[in-house]
Amino acid sequence: KNYDICKVEAYIFGRYHLRAHHDLPAFIDRVLHVSRAPQLFYIGYSYGTTAVMVLGSELPEYQSKIKQAILLAPVGYRLRDMHPKIQMAVDVVLNTYKTTTIRALFELLPREGLFFPLWRAACGSFQEACTKMLYYFFGQRGENIDQESFRALLPRLPSGASSLDLIYLAQIFTRGFRAYDFGKRTNQYVYGQKLPPDVPVEINTIPMALYYSPSDHLNSE
């Protein structure tokens, strides 16, 4: 059966933007309705920071509902001085995206896949090696991590991730905070132009406090 790839990817895009355009507004409206408060504080981590930045920029009617947004490890900025190992990972993701059907994978490293039991077996016996591998990408300051909790968590990783999330992260880090880039053909279908539009952060008036670590290679001053 033949499918129009533009329509398929546009459908995926619609689901992808559910966080900022549907999920987050629903949560906010529910909390304010139950609490009868005029505003709330928002705390987001990683992609939770991206969602509220998109929300405030593309649904400005929600700006007045958030008293302050506290963003931990924020994701929404191009990395000016990208660490070599992050650059390597980003290049692999973007090149794979261009040359294969990675977009059709949808979920990376699911718990029911082959990788999970191998990881669990390896990290159950060689936790120090697995820990150092994670440090390689996410920073070397192990003294800031609760080692006991980390050891308990390690065998349960990974728990799966959307391939769209990984690709969009790579796009943000290299091209700036724009809408998802499908490629010229599907961009024309979705956005009416060949390049994805920038997220209009200049109209976002939500007060924001950004927190990051110097050892976090996925953030830039």
Protein backbone atom coordinates (compact mmCIF):
# COMPACT_ATOMS: atom_id res chain seq x y z
CA LYS A 1 0.00 0.00 0.00
CA ASN A 2 1.31 3.43 -0.94
CA TYR A 3 1.52 6.25 1.59
CA ASP A 4 2.15 9.96 1.12
CA ILE A 5 5.26 10.50 3.24
CA CYS A 6 4.37 14.18 3.72
CA LYS A 7 1.01 13.27 5.26
CA VAL A 8 2.56 10.56 7.42
CA GLU A 9 5.25 12.90 8.76
CA ALA A 10 2.71 15.68 9.27
CA TYR A 11 0.67 13.28 11.40
CA ILE A 12 3.80 12.46 13.42
CA PHE A 13 4.46 16.18 13.83
CA GLY A 14 0.96 16.69 15.18
CA ARG A 15 1.51 14.02 17.81
CA TYR A 16 4.96 15.39 18.60
CA HIS A 17 3.59 18.86 19.40
CA LEU A 18 0.92 17.46 21.72
CA ARG A 19 3.15 18.26 24.70
CA ALA A 20 3.29 22.00 24.23
CA HIS A 21 -0.02 22.55 22.45
CA HIS A 22 -2.30 20.08 24.25
CA ASP A 23 -0.79 18.19 27.21
CA LEU A 24 0.75 21.14 29.02
CA PRO A 25 -2.25 23.47 28.58
CA ALA A 26 -4.53 20.70 29.87
CA PHE A 27 -2.36 20.21 32.97
CA ILE A 28 -2.19 23.95 33.65
CA ASP A 29 -5.92 24.49 33.22
CA ARG A 30 -6.70 21.53 35.47
CA VAL A 31 -4.39 22.70 38.27
CA LEU A 32 -5.73 26.25 38.17
CA HIS A 33 -9.32 25.00 38.10
CA VAL A 34 -8.88 22.71 41.11
CA SER A 35 -6.72 25.12 43.13
CA ARG A 36 -8.73 28.20 42.09
CA ALA A 37 -5.44 30.05 41.90
CA PRO A 38 -4.85 32.66 39.18
CA GLN A 39 -1.30 31.47 38.47
CA LEU A 40 1.08 28.59 39.12
CA PHE A 41 4.80 27.88 39.26
CA TYR A 42 6.16 25.55 36.61
CA ILE A 43 9.21 23.32 37.12
CA GLY A 44 10.53 21.52 34.06
CA TYR A 45 13.52 19.30 33.36
CA SER A 46 15.17 18.77 29.97
CA TYR A 47 12.36 18.37 27.41
CA GLY A 48 9.93 19.73 29.97
CA THR A 49 11.76 23.04 29.55
CA THR A 50 11.39 22.90 25.78
CA ALA A 51 7.65 22.35 26.10
CA VAL A 52 7.04 25.43 28.24
CA MET A 53 9.23 27.60 25.99
CA VAL A 54 7.15 26.52 22.99
CA LEU A 55 3.94 26.98 24.99
CA GLY A 56 4.77 30.56 25.98
CA SER A 57 5.90 31.42 22.47
CA GLU A 58 3.11 29.84 20.42
CA LEU A 59 0.19 29.99 22.87
CA PRO A 60 0.66 33.46 24.40
CA GLU A 61 -2.67 33.26 26.24
CA TYR A 62 -0.90 30.97 28.73
CA GLN A 63 1.83 33.47 29.59
CA SER A 64 -0.28 35.11 32.30
CA LYS A 65 -1.09 31.73 33.89
CA ILE A 66 2.53 30.96 34.84
CA LYS A 67 3.98 33.08 37.62
CA GLN A 68 7.47 31.71 37.00
CA ALA A 69 9.02 28.82 35.10
CA ILE A 70 12.00 27.10 36.70
CA LEU A 71 13.95 25.31 33.99
CA LEU A 72 16.45 22.61 34.93
CA ALA A 73 18.96 21.58 32.22
CA PRO A 74 17.08 23.70 29.64
CA VAL A 75 16.90 22.57 26.01
CA GLY A 76 16.12 25.31 23.51
CA TYR A 77 19.39 26.88 22.50
CA ARG A 78 22.04 26.27 19.89
CA LEU A 79 25.30 25.04 21.41
CA ARG A 80 27.97 27.60 20.49
CA ASP A 81 30.95 25.59 21.67
CA MET A 82 29.85 22.00 21.29
CA HIS A 83 31.90 19.41 23.13
CA PRO A 84 33.63 17.06 20.64
CA LYS A 85 31.85 13.94 21.92
CA ILE A 86 28.46 15.66 21.69
CA GLN A 87 29.35 16.88 18.20
CA MET A 88 30.18 13.31 17.23
CA ALA A 89 26.83 12.02 18.56
CA VAL A 90 24.91 14.84 16.84
CA ASP A 91 26.63 14.16 13.52
CA VAL A 92 25.74 10.47 13.75
CA VAL A 93 22.08 11.25 14.47
CA LEU A 94 21.70 13.82 11.69
CA ASN A 95 23.55 11.74 9.09
CA THR A 96 21.52 8.65 9.99
CA TYR A 97 18.33 10.72 9.76
CA LYS A 98 19.24 11.78 6.22
CA THR A 99 20.21 8.37 4.88
CA THR A 100 17.90 5.85 6.58
CA THR A 101 14.36 5.39 7.82
CA ILE A 102 15.22 6.29 11.42
CA ARG A 103 12.07 8.43 11.50
CA ALA A 104 10.00 5.27 11.19
CA LEU A 105 11.60 3.66 14.24
CA PHE A 106 9.63 5.91 16.59
CA GLU A 107 11.10 4.33 19.74
CA LEU A 108 14.79 3.88 20.45
CA LEU A 109 16.13 1.29 22.87
CA PRO A 110 12.75 0.01 24.13
CA ARG A 111 12.70 -2.16 27.24
CA GLU A 112 11.38 -5.13 25.30
CA GLY A 113 14.17 -4.92 22.73
CA LEU A 114 17.36 -6.95 22.55
CA PHE A 115 19.52 -4.16 23.96
CA PHE A 116 17.77 -3.96 27.34
CA PRO A 117 18.57 -7.47 28.68
CA LEU A 118 22.17 -7.10 27.46
CA TRP A 119 22.51 -3.73 29.20
CA ARG A 120 20.91 -5.05 32.38
CA ALA A 121 23.21 -8.06 32.49
CA ALA A 122 26.31 -5.99 31.81
CA CYS A 123 25.48 -3.20 34.26
CA GLY A 124 24.54 -5.68 36.93
CA SER A 125 28.07 -7.06 36.85
CA PHE A 126 30.09 -4.07 35.65
CA GLN A 127 28.35 -1.07 37.17
CA GLU A 128 31.51 1.00 37.34
CA ALA A 129 32.10 0.64 33.59
CA CYS A 130 28.46 1.52 32.80
CA THR A 131 28.60 4.52 35.12
CA LYS A 132 31.73 5.84 33.44
CA MET A 133 30.09 5.43 30.04
CA LEU A 134 27.19 7.65 31.14
CA TYR A 135 29.61 10.15 32.67
CA TYR A 136 31.33 10.35 29.30
CA PHE A 137 28.31 12.11 27.82
CA PHE A 138 26.69 13.77 30.82
CA GLY A 139 29.64 15.07 32.83
CA GLN A 140 32.42 13.73 34.99
CA ARG A 141 31.46 15.19 38.37
CA GLY A 142 30.35 11.98 40.02
CA GLU A 143 30.56 13.50 43.50
CA ASN A 144 27.33 15.37 42.73
CA ILE A 145 25.41 12.14 42.18
CA ASP A 146 23.79 10.00 44.86
CA GLN A 147 25.75 6.85 44.07
CA GLU A 148 23.44 4.49 45.97
CA SER A 149 20.36 5.65 44.10
CA PHE A 150 22.29 5.72 40.84
CA ARG A 151 23.38 2.10 41.22
CA ALA A 152 19.78 1.05 41.84
CA LEU A 153 18.62 2.98 38.77
CA LEU A 154 21.39 1.93 36.40
CA PRO A 155 20.18 -1.64 35.63
CA ARG A 156 16.76 -0.22 34.73
CA LEU A 157 18.15 1.99 32.00
CA PRO A 158 17.40 2.62 29.19
CA SER A 159 13.62 2.86 29.27
CA GLY A 160 13.08 3.85 25.66
CA ALA A 161 12.95 7.20 23.88
CA SER A 162 11.30 8.66 20.82
CA SER A 163 13.52 8.87 17.76
CA LEU A 164 11.86 12.23 17.06
CA ASP A 165 13.15 13.54 20.39
CA LEU A 166 16.70 12.53 19.58
CA ILE A 167 16.57 14.05 16.10
CA TYR A 168 14.97 17.28 17.34
CA LEU A 169 17.63 17.64 20.03
CA ALA A 170 20.33 17.36 17.39
CA GLN A 171 18.54 19.95 15.26
CA ILE A 172 18.27 22.42 18.15
CA PHE A 173 21.92 22.01 19.10
CA THR A 174 23.12 22.71 15.56
CA ARG A 175 20.49 24.99 13.98
CA GLY A 176 18.85 26.82 16.86
CA PHE A 177 15.34 26.79 18.31
CA ARG A 178 13.12 26.08 15.34
CA ALA A 179 10.16 23.89 14.59
CA TYR A 180 10.92 20.30 13.66
CA ASP A 181 12.78 20.08 10.34
CA PHE A 182 11.34 17.32 8.15
CA GLY A 183 13.25 18.28 5.02
CA LYS A 184 12.21 20.70 2.28
CA ARG A 185 9.35 18.68 0.80
CA THR A 186 7.49 17.94 4.02
CA ASN A 187 8.35 21.37 5.45
CA GLN A 188 6.53 22.89 2.48
CA TYR A 189 3.52 20.67 3.22
CA VAL A 190 3.47 21.34 6.98
CA TYR A 191 4.69 24.95 7.25
CA GLY A 192 4.11 26.33 3.76
CA GLN A 193 7.83 27.02 3.34
CA LYS A 194 11.00 25.02 2.72
CA LEU A 195 12.65 25.85 6.06
CA PRO A 196 11.05 25.33 9.49
CA PRO A 197 10.04 28.58 11.22
CA ASP A 198 11.87 29.79 14.30
CA VAL A 199 10.09 29.42 17.63
CA PRO A 200 9.11 33.06 18.38
CA VAL A 201 10.72 33.21 21.83
CA GLU A 202 10.87 37.01 21.66
CA ILE A 203 7.14 37.22 22.44
CA ASN A 204 7.38 34.86 25.41
CA THR A 205 6.94 36.94 28.58
CA ILE A 206 6.90 34.10 31.14
CA PRO A 207 9.51 34.86 33.85
CA MET A 208 12.08 32.09 33.63
CA ALA A 209 14.97 30.95 35.80
CA LEU A 210 17.44 28.69 34.01
CA TYR A 211 19.64 26.25 35.91
CA TYR A 212 22.47 24.28 34.37
CA SER A 213 25.71 22.60 35.40
CA PRO A 214 29.15 23.48 33.99
CA SER A 215 29.70 19.74 33.53
CA ASP A 216 26.52 19.35 31.46
CA HIS A 217 27.75 19.10 27.87
CA LEU A 218 24.20 19.51 26.54
CA ASN A 219 24.04 23.13 27.72
CA SER A 220 25.99 26.23 26.82
CA GLU A 221 26.54 29.49 28.68
